[in-house]
Amino acid sequence: MASTGTDAAASEPTAGLDAAGAAGELLPSVSEMRLPAWFFGFEGVLAGAFDLLRAFPSAWPALLVLVAANITVSLTLLRKRLKLAKLLWRGKGTRKVAFALVGLRIGTHVLLGALGFALISALGHVLMALVMAGITVGLLVYVQRTALTALVTAGKATA
């Protein structure tokens, strides 16, 4: 019976440490979940795709390759970060950003057309693509930072 007491006493602290250690290992860190900078480059190009295709109509095969590469990279190299991506797309903030970007694109083209400054040159479309890419990347970085902060606050990730 003495050995049973010793085993019980020894297993309780070990069980407590294992549970705490396992819980610590299960929680991903912010640095593990943060998307790499090059991923935002993909998203920026895709955000400017409409205007890039208007400026260079023959570039659609290259754009398709970039889309395929983006999907492949997302499903392979960013596998660990899919949890963050799912949380981001489920969040209202991300959907608001997506709709705001579409609205901004349409609104800008309509407004410029109404003012007589419709984008007809390749340079105009390239500049618009750069602006949309910059805004998209900036908003994605902001949404990612907000989501990661919320995960840490909720105890679903470690700082």
C-alpha atoms as a PDB file:
ATOM      1  CA  MET A   1       0.000   0.000   0.000  1.00  0.00           C
ATOM      2  CA  ALA A   2       2.938   2.278   0.592  1.00  0.00           C
ATOM      3  CA  SER A   3       3.928   1.851  -3.032  1.00  0.00           C
ATOM      4  CA  THR A   4       0.403   2.710  -4.127  1.00  0.00           C
ATOM      5  CA  GLY A   5       0.552   5.948  -2.148  1.00  0.00           C
ATOM      6  CA  THR A   6       3.942   6.742  -3.614  1.00  0.00           C
ATOM      7  CA  ASP A   7       2.732   5.944  -7.129  1.00  0.00           C
ATOM      8  CA  ALA A   8      -0.365   8.061  -6.637  1.00  0.00           C
ATOM      9  CA  ALA A   9       1.684  10.926  -5.215  1.00  0.00           C
ATOM     10  CA  ALA A  10       4.228  10.646  -7.994  1.00  0.00           C
ATOM     11  CA  SER A  11       1.662  10.376 -10.753  1.00  0.00           C
ATOM     12  CA  GLU A  12      -0.420  13.362  -9.654  1.00  0.00           C
ATOM     13  CA  PRO A  13       2.324  15.976 -10.098  1.00  0.00           C
ATOM     14  CA  THR A  14       3.483  14.283 -13.282  1.00  0.00           C
ATOM     15  CA  ALA A  15      -0.055  14.244 -14.623  1.00  0.00           C
ATOM     16  CA  GLY A  16      -0.404  17.917 -13.754  1.00  0.00           C
ATOM     17  CA  LEU A  17       2.863  18.771 -15.482  1.00  0.00           C
ATOM     18  CA  ASP A  18       1.953  16.689 -18.521  1.00  0.00           C
ATOM     19  CA  ALA A  19      -1.395  18.421 -18.838  1.00  0.00           C
ATOM     20  CA  ALA A  20       0.213  21.845 -18.476  1.00  0.00           C
ATOM     21  CA  GLY A  21       3.030  20.908 -20.840  1.00  0.00           C
ATOM     22  CA  ALA A  22       0.611  19.475 -23.385  1.00  0.00           C
ATOM     23  CA  ALA A  23      -1.607  22.545 -23.136  1.00  0.00           C
ATOM     24  CA  GLY A  24       1.461  24.743 -23.703  1.00  0.00           C
ATOM     25  CA  GLU A  25       2.483  22.686 -26.710  1.00  0.00           C
ATOM     26  CA  LEU A  26      -1.007  22.699 -28.202  1.00  0.00           C
ATOM     27  CA  LEU A  27      -1.228  26.470 -28.221  1.00  0.00           C
ATOM     28  CA  PRO A  28       0.562  27.886 -31.247  1.00  0.00           C
ATOM     29  CA  SER A  29       2.646  30.994 -30.844  1.00  0.00           C
ATOM     30  CA  VAL A  30       1.922  34.214 -32.682  1.00  0.00           C
ATOM     31  CA  SER A  31       5.147  33.858 -34.656  1.00  0.00           C
ATOM     32  CA  GLU A  32       4.090  30.382 -35.848  1.00  0.00           C
ATOM     33  CA  MET A  33       0.689  31.651 -36.986  1.00  0.00           C
ATOM     34  CA  ARG A  34       1.823  34.916 -38.582  1.00  0.00           C
ATOM     35  CA  LEU A  35       1.720  34.794 -42.354  1.00  0.00           C
ATOM     36  CA  PRO A  36       5.061  35.364 -44.107  1.00  0.00           C
ATOM     37  CA  ALA A  37       5.672  38.621 -45.949  1.00  0.00           C
ATOM     38  CA  TRP A  38       5.882  36.959 -49.377  1.00  0.00           C
ATOM     39  CA  PHE A  39       2.303  35.702 -48.964  1.00  0.00           C
ATOM     40  CA  PHE A  40       1.124  39.309 -48.869  1.00  0.00           C
ATOM     41  CA  GLY A  41       2.966  39.844 -52.160  1.00  0.00           C
ATOM     42  CA  PHE A  42       0.812  37.129 -53.731  1.00  0.00           C
ATOM     43  CA  GLU A  43      -2.319  38.758 -52.369  1.00  0.00           C
ATOM     44  CA  GLY A  44      -1.214  42.192 -53.555  1.00  0.00           C
ATOM     45  CA  VAL A  45      -0.712  40.951 -57.113  1.00  0.00           C
ATOM     46  CA  LEU A  46      -4.104  39.268 -57.044  1.00  0.00           C
ATOM     47  CA  ALA A  47      -5.705  42.468 -55.719  1.00  0.00           C
ATOM     48  CA  GLY A  48      -4.274  44.395 -58.648  1.00  0.00           C
ATOM     49  CA  ALA A  49      -5.036  41.653 -61.170  1.00  0.00           C
ATOM     50  CA  PHE A  50      -8.008  43.401 -62.777  1.00  0.00           C
ATOM     51  CA  ASP A  51      -6.006  46.488 -63.655  1.00  0.00           C
ATOM     52  CA  LEU A  52      -2.912  44.507 -64.575  1.00  0.00           C
ATOM     53  CA  LEU A  53      -4.993  42.554 -67.073  1.00  0.00           C
ATOM     54  CA  ARG A  54      -6.459  45.781 -68.408  1.00  0.00           C
ATOM     55  CA  ALA A  55      -2.942  47.163 -68.868  1.00  0.00           C
ATOM     56  CA  PHE A  56      -1.455  43.931 -70.221  1.00  0.00           C
ATOM     57  CA  PRO A  57      -4.190  41.647 -71.603  1.00  0.00           C
ATOM     58  CA  SER A  58      -1.685  39.010 -72.667  1.00  0.00           C
ATOM     59  CA  ALA A  59      -0.505  38.534 -69.058  1.00  0.00           C
ATOM     60  CA  TRP A  60      -3.421  36.288 -68.082  1.00  0.00           C
ATOM     61  CA  PRO A  61      -1.385  33.045 -68.276  1.00  0.00           C
ATOM     62  CA  ALA A  62       1.150  34.463 -65.824  1.00  0.00           C
ATOM     63  CA  LEU A  63      -1.691  35.519 -63.553  1.00  0.00           C
ATOM     64  CA  LEU A  64      -3.172  32.017 -63.682  1.00  0.00           C
ATOM     65  CA  VAL A  65       0.232  30.583 -62.729  1.00  0.00           C
ATOM     66  CA  LEU A  66       0.369  32.995 -59.768  1.00  0.00           C
ATOM     67  CA  VAL A  67      -3.127  31.962 -58.658  1.00  0.00           C
ATOM     68  CA  ALA A  68      -2.162  28.283 -58.884  1.00  0.00           C
ATOM     69  CA  ALA A  69       1.074  28.972 -56.990  1.00  0.00           C
ATOM     70  CA  ASN A  70      -0.863  30.892 -54.327  1.00  0.00           C
ATOM     71  CA  ILE A  71      -3.272  27.993 -53.822  1.00  0.00           C
ATOM     72  CA  THR A  72      -0.457  25.419 -53.795  1.00  0.00           C
ATOM     73  CA  VAL A  73       1.624  27.402 -51.325  1.00  0.00           C
ATOM     74  CA  SER A  74      -1.413  28.018 -49.128  1.00  0.00           C
ATOM     75  CA  LEU A  75      -2.219  24.325 -48.955  1.00  0.00           C
ATOM     76  CA  THR A  76       1.368  23.137 -48.442  1.00  0.00           C
ATOM     77  CA  LEU A  77       3.814  25.590 -46.898  1.00  0.00           C
ATOM     78  CA  LEU A  78       1.161  27.468 -44.961  1.00  0.00           C
ATOM     79  CA  ARG A  79      -0.598  24.342 -43.677  1.00  0.00           C
ATOM     80  CA  LYS A  80       0.033  25.259 -40.041  1.00  0.00           C
ATOM     81  CA  ARG A  81      -1.441  28.690 -40.640  1.00  0.00           C
ATOM     82  CA  LEU A  82      -4.705  27.460 -42.141  1.00  0.00           C
ATOM     83  CA  LYS A  83      -6.284  27.762 -38.682  1.00  0.00           C
ATOM     84  CA  LEU A  84      -5.550  31.482 -38.738  1.00  0.00           C
ATOM     85  CA  ALA A  85      -6.826  31.780 -42.311  1.00  0.00           C
ATOM     86  CA  LYS A  86     -10.076  30.029 -41.381  1.00  0.00           C
ATOM     87  CA  LEU A  87     -10.500  32.301 -38.380  1.00  0.00           C
ATOM     88  CA  LEU A  88      -9.798  35.343 -40.530  1.00  0.00           C
ATOM     89  CA  TRP A  89     -12.339  34.393 -43.195  1.00  0.00           C
ATOM     90  CA  ARG A  90     -14.958  33.613 -40.564  1.00  0.00           C
ATOM     91  CA  GLY A  91     -14.429  37.011 -38.996  1.00  0.00           C
ATOM     92  CA  LYS A  92     -16.702  39.878 -39.926  1.00  0.00           C
ATOM     93  CA  GLY A  93     -13.721  42.210 -40.217  1.00  0.00           C
ATOM     94  CA  THR A  94     -12.161  40.263 -43.068  1.00  0.00           C
ATOM     95  CA  ARG A  95     -15.393  40.098 -45.017  1.00  0.00           C
ATOM     96  CA  LYS A  96     -15.860  43.828 -44.498  1.00  0.00           C
ATOM     97  CA  VAL A  97     -12.346  44.402 -45.832  1.00  0.00           C
ATOM     98  CA  ALA A  98     -13.033  42.206 -48.881  1.00  0.00           C
ATOM     99  CA  PHE A  99     -16.313  43.983 -49.679  1.00  0.00           C
ATOM    100  CA  ALA A 100     -14.729  47.379 -49.035  1.00  0.00           C
ATOM    101  CA  LEU A 101     -11.918  46.588 -51.490  1.00  0.00           C
ATOM    102  CA  VAL A 102     -14.393  45.543 -54.186  1.00  0.00           C
ATOM    103  CA  GLY A 103     -16.450  48.656 -53.485  1.00  0.00           C
ATOM    104  CA  LEU A 104     -13.333  50.818 -53.577  1.00  0.00           C
ATOM    105  CA  ARG A 105     -12.288  49.386 -56.925  1.00  0.00           C
ATOM    106  CA  ILE A 106     -15.709  49.825 -58.523  1.00  0.00           C
ATOM    107  CA  GLY A 107     -16.268  53.206 -56.892  1.00  0.00           C
ATOM    108  CA  THR A 108     -12.897  54.530 -57.982  1.00  0.00           C
ATOM    109  CA  HIS A 109     -13.393  53.468 -61.591  1.00  0.00           C
ATOM    110  CA  VAL A 110     -16.928  54.911 -61.653  1.00  0.00           C
ATOM    111  CA  LEU A 111     -15.823  58.158 -60.004  1.00  0.00           C
ATOM    112  CA  LEU A 112     -12.836  58.602 -62.303  1.00  0.00           C
ATOM    113  CA  GLY A 113     -15.074  57.873 -65.309  1.00  0.00           C
ATOM    114  CA  ALA A 114     -17.681  60.391 -64.136  1.00  0.00           C
ATOM    115  CA  LEU A 115     -14.999  63.037 -63.693  1.00  0.00           C
ATOM    116  CA  GLY A 116     -13.653  62.382 -67.177  1.00  0.00           C
ATOM    117  CA  PHE A 117     -10.475  60.713 -65.986  1.00  0.00           C
ATOM    118  CA  ALA A 118     -11.283  57.140 -66.930  1.00  0.00           C
ATOM    119  CA  LEU A 119      -8.307  54.833 -66.795  1.00  0.00           C
ATOM    120  CA  ILE A 120      -7.524  54.067 -70.412  1.00  0.00           C
ATOM    121  CA  SER A 121      -3.744  54.007 -70.453  1.00  0.00           C
ATOM    122  CA  ALA A 122      -1.544  51.127 -69.376  1.00  0.00           C
ATOM    123  CA  LEU A 123       0.236  53.458 -66.945  1.00  0.00           C
ATOM    124  CA  GLY A 124      -3.070  54.429 -65.316  1.00  0.00           C
ATOM    125  CA  HIS A 125      -4.031  50.788 -64.851  1.00  0.00           C
ATOM    126  CA  VAL A 126      -0.585  49.894 -63.464  1.00  0.00           C
ATOM    127  CA  LEU A 127      -0.810  52.772 -60.982  1.00  0.00           C
ATOM    128  CA  MET A 128      -4.310  51.669 -59.966  1.00  0.00           C
ATOM    129  CA  ALA A 129      -3.050  48.096 -59.544  1.00  0.00           C
ATOM    130  CA  LEU A 130      -0.237  49.359 -57.300  1.00  0.00           C
ATOM    131  CA  VAL A 131      -2.658  51.407 -55.213  1.00  0.00           C
ATOM    132  CA  MET A 132      -5.050  48.463 -54.816  1.00  0.00           C
ATOM    133  CA  ALA A 133      -2.174  46.123 -53.977  1.00  0.00           C
ATOM    134  CA  GLY A 134      -0.847  48.522 -51.353  1.00  0.00           C
ATOM    135  CA  ILE A 135      -4.241  49.043 -49.753  1.00  0.00           C
ATOM    136  CA  THR A 136      -4.941  45.307 -49.767  1.00  0.00           C
ATOM    137  CA  VAL A 137      -1.620  44.405 -48.185  1.00  0.00           C
ATOM    138  CA  GLY A 138      -2.010  47.135 -45.568  1.00  0.00           C
ATOM    139  CA  LEU A 139      -5.501  45.977 -44.644  1.00  0.00           C
ATOM    140  CA  LEU A 140      -4.474  42.318 -44.566  1.00  0.00           C
ATOM    141  CA  VAL A 141      -1.588  43.110 -42.217  1.00  0.00           C
ATOM    142  CA  TYR A 142      -3.984  45.057 -39.979  1.00  0.00           C
ATOM    143  CA  VAL A 143      -6.583  42.263 -39.937  1.00  0.00           C
ATOM    144  CA  GLN A 144      -3.890  39.664 -39.229  1.00  0.00           C
ATOM    145  CA  ARG A 145      -2.495  41.713 -36.336  1.00  0.00           C
ATOM    146  CA  THR A 146      -5.990  42.222 -34.909  1.00  0.00           C
ATOM    147  CA  ALA A 147      -6.846  38.517 -35.226  1.00  0.00           C
ATOM    148  CA  LEU A 148      -3.589  37.400 -33.612  1.00  0.00           C
ATOM    149  CA  THR A 149      -4.100  39.835 -30.731  1.00  0.00           C
ATOM    150  CA  ALA A 150      -7.622  38.484 -30.260  1.00  0.00           C
ATOM    151  CA  LEU A 151      -6.320  34.904 -30.242  1.00  0.00           C
ATOM    152  CA  VAL A 152      -3.746  35.736 -27.580  1.00  0.00           C
ATOM    153  CA  THR A 153      -6.369  37.558 -25.509  1.00  0.00           C
ATOM    154  CA  ALA A 154      -8.762  34.596 -25.809  1.00  0.00           C
ATOM    155  CA  GLY A 155      -6.002  32.221 -24.728  1.00  0.00           C
ATOM    156  CA  LYS A 156      -5.937  30.354 -28.050  1.00  0.00           C
ATOM    157  CA  ALA A 157      -2.381  31.406 -28.871  1.00  0.00           C
ATOM    158  CA  THR A 158       0.707  32.467 -26.980  1.00  0.00           C
ATOM    159  CA  ALA A 159       2.596  35.670 -27.463  1.00  0.00           C
END
